[in-house]
Amino acid sequence: MARIIGIDYGIKRTGISVTDPDQIIVSPLKTVNTNSLLIFLKQYLNEEEVEKIVFGYPTHKDGNPTYVVDEINKFKSKLTDIFPKLAVDFQDENFTSVEAREIILKSGLNKKQRQDKSRLDKISAVLILQRYLRHI
């Protein structure tokens, strides 16, 4: 088996999570500036065996996609042009940021650590990938 990557795509920052090679455990990997996401993924995909990338799919409360979906689809096209054999899927990401904030709050981190937005992005990516793995 190979790893699966989870992505919480944002306009400024993107949180990334990854499974172990057996696809049992999901761990936070990194938060990167979105403008350098493609560079990061190219390097990671050339170093690790990855079978799939799962993007969080953001929607409004009424179920309609947010404006970020267009950006995600553009990025997905670039990525699949470079890695045509890489599978890409989507997972509803509703309330992952809220859940991530609750996790951080309950974690016992100090105030400065809790305010680190990159931590929130990574945990959101973990939650997206955990949800996805329960559905497959």
C-alpha atoms as a PDB file:
ATOM      1  CA  MET A   1       0.000   0.000   0.000  1.00  0.00           C
ATOM      2  CA  ALA A   2       0.946   3.615  -0.297  1.00  0.00           C
ATOM      3  CA  ARG A   3       0.208   6.757   1.664  1.00  0.00           C
ATOM      4  CA  ILE A   4      -2.815   9.010   1.249  1.00  0.00           C
ATOM      5  CA  ILE A   5      -2.427  12.769   1.660  1.00  0.00           C
ATOM      6  CA  GLY A   6      -5.164  14.989   3.076  1.00  0.00           C
ATOM      7  CA  ILE A   7      -5.274  18.658   2.140  1.00  0.00           C
ATOM      8  CA  ASP A   8      -7.102  21.525   3.818  1.00  0.00           C
ATOM      9  CA  TYR A   9      -6.667  23.990   0.955  1.00  0.00           C
ATOM     10  CA  GLY A  10      -6.798  27.670   1.798  1.00  0.00           C
ATOM     11  CA  ILE A  11      -6.183  30.821  -0.188  1.00  0.00           C
ATOM     12  CA  LYS A  12      -3.182  31.769   1.994  1.00  0.00           C
ATOM     13  CA  ARG A  13      -2.172  28.577   3.817  1.00  0.00           C
ATOM     14  CA  THR A  14      -2.762  24.884   3.267  1.00  0.00           C
ATOM     15  CA  GLY A  15      -2.710  22.209   5.928  1.00  0.00           C
ATOM     16  CA  ILE A  16      -1.410  18.791   4.941  1.00  0.00           C
ATOM     17  CA  SER A  17      -1.879  15.423   6.639  1.00  0.00           C
ATOM     18  CA  VAL A  18      -0.715  11.967   5.653  1.00  0.00           C
ATOM     19  CA  THR A  19      -1.383   8.338   6.456  1.00  0.00           C
ATOM     20  CA  ASP A  20       1.223   5.752   7.246  1.00  0.00           C
ATOM     21  CA  PRO A  21       1.961   3.353   4.353  1.00  0.00           C
ATOM     22  CA  ASP A  22      -0.680   0.908   5.675  1.00  0.00           C
ATOM     23  CA  GLN A  23      -3.288   3.697   5.696  1.00  0.00           C
ATOM     24  CA  ILE A  24      -4.177   3.135   9.341  1.00  0.00           C
ATOM     25  CA  ILE A  25      -2.839   6.215  11.139  1.00  0.00           C
ATOM     26  CA  VAL A  26      -3.336   9.825  10.047  1.00  0.00           C
ATOM     27  CA  SER A  27      -0.752  12.361  11.179  1.00  0.00           C
ATOM     28  CA  PRO A  28      -0.313  16.079  10.597  1.00  0.00           C
ATOM     29  CA  LEU A  29       2.467  16.670   8.089  1.00  0.00           C
ATOM     30  CA  LYS A  30       2.926  20.370   7.477  1.00  0.00           C
ATOM     31  CA  THR A  31       1.326  23.715   6.783  1.00  0.00           C
ATOM     32  CA  VAL A  32       2.658  25.514   3.728  1.00  0.00           C
ATOM     33  CA  ASN A  33       1.915  28.781   2.015  1.00  0.00           C
ATOM     34  CA  THR A  34      -0.535  27.882  -0.708  1.00  0.00           C
ATOM     35  CA  ASN A  35       1.615  29.539  -3.360  1.00  0.00           C
ATOM     36  CA  SER A  36       4.357  26.972  -2.608  1.00  0.00           C
ATOM     37  CA  LEU A  37       2.043  23.944  -2.247  1.00  0.00           C
ATOM     38  CA  LEU A  38       2.790  22.543  -5.697  1.00  0.00           C
ATOM     39  CA  ILE A  39       6.544  22.722  -5.086  1.00  0.00           C
ATOM     40  CA  PHE A  40       6.139  20.952  -1.741  1.00  0.00           C
ATOM     41  CA  LEU A  41       3.933  18.206  -3.196  1.00  0.00           C
ATOM     42  CA  LYS A  42       6.259  17.598  -6.155  1.00  0.00           C
ATOM     43  CA  GLN A  43       9.135  17.005  -3.759  1.00  0.00           C
ATOM     44  CA  TYR A  44       7.067  14.856  -1.380  1.00  0.00           C
ATOM     45  CA  LEU A  45       5.559  12.737  -4.164  1.00  0.00           C
ATOM     46  CA  ASN A  46       9.009  12.093  -5.608  1.00  0.00           C
ATOM     47  CA  GLU A  47      10.288  10.917  -2.203  1.00  0.00           C
ATOM     48  CA  GLU A  48       7.305   8.951  -0.881  1.00  0.00           C
ATOM     49  CA  GLU A  49       4.899   6.470  -2.416  1.00  0.00           C
ATOM     50  CA  VAL A  50       1.485   8.155  -2.440  1.00  0.00           C
ATOM     51  CA  GLU A  51      -1.570   6.635  -4.085  1.00  0.00           C
ATOM     52  CA  LYS A  52      -4.126   9.388  -3.520  1.00  0.00           C
ATOM     53  CA  ILE A  53      -4.665  12.978  -2.473  1.00  0.00           C
ATOM     54  CA  VAL A  54      -7.890  13.937  -0.736  1.00  0.00           C
ATOM     55  CA  PHE A  55      -8.911  17.594  -0.787  1.00  0.00           C
ATOM     56  CA  GLY A  56     -11.339  19.009   1.709  1.00  0.00           C
ATOM     57  CA  TYR A  57     -14.428  20.193  -0.156  1.00  0.00           C
ATOM     58  CA  PRO A  58     -15.712  23.425   1.401  1.00  0.00           C
ATOM     59  CA  THR A  59     -19.401  24.233   1.191  1.00  0.00           C
ATOM     60  CA  HIS A  60     -21.735  26.822   2.649  1.00  0.00           C
ATOM     61  CA  LYS A  61     -24.370  25.779   5.176  1.00  0.00           C
ATOM     62  CA  ASP A  62     -26.871  25.406   2.326  1.00  0.00           C
ATOM     63  CA  GLY A  63     -24.591  22.849   0.630  1.00  0.00           C
ATOM     64  CA  ASN A  64     -23.397  25.063  -2.213  1.00  0.00           C
ATOM     65  CA  PRO A  65     -19.631  25.103  -2.832  1.00  0.00           C
ATOM     66  CA  THR A  66     -17.629  28.095  -1.615  1.00  0.00           C
ATOM     67  CA  TYR A  67     -15.458  30.245  -3.868  1.00  0.00           C
ATOM     68  CA  VAL A  68     -12.411  28.199  -2.788  1.00  0.00           C
ATOM     69  CA  VAL A  69     -13.673  25.176  -4.761  1.00  0.00           C
ATOM     70  CA  ASP A  70     -12.725  26.875  -8.046  1.00  0.00           C
ATOM     71  CA  GLU A  71      -9.172  27.367  -6.755  1.00  0.00           C
ATOM     72  CA  ILE A  72      -9.019  23.749  -5.579  1.00  0.00           C
ATOM     73  CA  ASN A  73     -10.137  22.505  -8.999  1.00  0.00           C
ATOM     74  CA  LYS A  74      -7.512  24.655 -10.757  1.00  0.00           C
ATOM     75  CA  PHE A  75      -4.826  23.307  -8.440  1.00  0.00           C
ATOM     76  CA  LYS A  76      -6.056  19.719  -8.919  1.00  0.00           C
ATOM     77  CA  SER A  77      -5.734  20.137 -12.697  1.00  0.00           C
ATOM     78  CA  LYS A  78      -2.132  21.333 -12.387  1.00  0.00           C
ATOM     79  CA  LEU A  79      -1.309  18.455 -10.065  1.00  0.00           C
ATOM     80  CA  THR A  80      -2.873  15.753 -12.243  1.00  0.00           C
ATOM     81  CA  ASP A  81      -1.110  17.144 -15.320  1.00  0.00           C
ATOM     82  CA  ILE A  82       2.204  16.555 -13.549  1.00  0.00           C
ATOM     83  CA  PHE A  83       1.195  13.268 -11.864  1.00  0.00           C
ATOM     84  CA  PRO A  84      -1.431  11.688 -14.161  1.00  0.00           C
ATOM     85  CA  LYS A  85      -1.509   8.359 -12.277  1.00  0.00           C
ATOM     86  CA  LEU A  86      -2.212  10.007  -8.927  1.00  0.00           C
ATOM     87  CA  ALA A  87      -5.794   9.524  -7.746  1.00  0.00           C
ATOM     88  CA  VAL A  88      -7.561  12.604  -6.398  1.00  0.00           C
ATOM     89  CA  ASP A  89     -10.734  12.634  -4.335  1.00  0.00           C
ATOM     90  CA  PHE A  90     -12.757  15.060  -2.243  1.00  0.00           C
ATOM     91  CA  GLN A  91     -14.155  14.930   1.272  1.00  0.00           C
ATOM     92  CA  ASP A  92     -16.725  17.251   2.821  1.00  0.00           C
ATOM     93  CA  GLU A  93     -14.849  19.508   5.222  1.00  0.00           C
ATOM     94  CA  ASN A  94     -17.780  21.141   7.005  1.00  0.00           C
ATOM     95  CA  PHE A  95     -16.953  22.127  10.586  1.00  0.00           C
ATOM     96  CA  THR A  96     -13.393  20.744  10.511  1.00  0.00           C
ATOM     97  CA  SER A  97     -12.008  24.126  11.551  1.00  0.00           C
ATOM     98  CA  VAL A  98     -14.460  24.285  14.460  1.00  0.00           C
ATOM     99  CA  GLU A  99     -13.501  20.748  15.535  1.00  0.00           C
ATOM    100  CA  ALA A 100      -9.810  21.564  15.155  1.00  0.00           C
ATOM    101  CA  ARG A 101     -10.198  24.643  17.387  1.00  0.00           C
ATOM    102  CA  GLU A 102     -11.895  22.506  20.050  1.00  0.00           C
ATOM    103  CA  ILE A 103      -9.103  19.927  19.873  1.00  0.00           C
ATOM    104  CA  ILE A 104      -6.454  22.615  20.227  1.00  0.00           C
ATOM    105  CA  LEU A 105      -8.308  24.227  23.130  1.00  0.00           C
ATOM    106  CA  LYS A 106      -8.578  20.899  24.982  1.00  0.00           C
ATOM    107  CA  SER A 107      -4.966  19.942  24.253  1.00  0.00           C
ATOM    108  CA  GLY A 108      -3.480  21.966  27.083  1.00  0.00           C
ATOM    109  CA  LEU A 109      -1.324  24.120  24.833  1.00  0.00           C
ATOM    110  CA  ASN A 110      -0.435  27.576  26.065  1.00  0.00           C
ATOM    111  CA  LYS A 111      -2.119  30.651  24.572  1.00  0.00           C
ATOM    112  CA  LYS A 112       0.683  31.406  22.102  1.00  0.00           C
ATOM    113  CA  GLN A 113       0.680  27.800  20.823  1.00  0.00           C
ATOM    114  CA  ARG A 114      -3.128  27.828  20.498  1.00  0.00           C
ATOM    115  CA  GLN A 115      -2.947  30.983  18.342  1.00  0.00           C
ATOM    116  CA  ASP A 116      -0.626  29.325  15.814  1.00  0.00           C
ATOM    117  CA  LYS A 117      -2.869  29.150  12.734  1.00  0.00           C
ATOM    118  CA  SER A 118      -0.649  26.598  11.024  1.00  0.00           C
ATOM    119  CA  ARG A 119      -1.546  24.130  13.793  1.00  0.00           C
ATOM    120  CA  LEU A 120      -5.246  24.659  13.034  1.00  0.00           C
ATOM    121  CA  ASP A 121      -4.678  23.987   9.316  1.00  0.00           C
ATOM    122  CA  LYS A 122      -2.763  20.749   9.969  1.00  0.00           C
ATOM    123  CA  ILE A 123      -5.382  19.443  12.392  1.00  0.00           C
ATOM    124  CA  SER A 124      -8.161  20.324   9.942  1.00  0.00           C
ATOM    125  CA  ALA A 125      -6.295  18.313   7.281  1.00  0.00           C
ATOM    126  CA  VAL A 126      -6.077  15.381   9.708  1.00  0.00           C
ATOM    127  CA  LEU A 127      -9.834  15.538  10.333  1.00  0.00           C
ATOM    128  CA  ILE A 128     -10.563  15.644   6.584  1.00  0.00           C
ATOM    129  CA  LEU A 129      -8.450  12.555   5.965  1.00  0.00           C
ATOM    130  CA  GLN A 130      -9.872  10.691   8.973  1.00  0.00           C
ATOM    131  CA  ARG A 131     -13.403  11.303   7.694  1.00  0.00           C
ATOM    132  CA  TYR A 132     -12.393  10.131   4.250  1.00  0.00           C
ATOM    133  CA  LEU A 133     -10.852   6.904   5.511  1.00  0.00           C
ATOM    134  CA  ARG A 134     -14.073   6.033   7.327  1.00  0.00           C
ATOM    135  CA  HIS A 135     -15.993   6.375   4.045  1.00  0.00           C
ATOM    136  CA  ILE A 136     -13.847   4.116   1.882  1.00  0.00           C
END
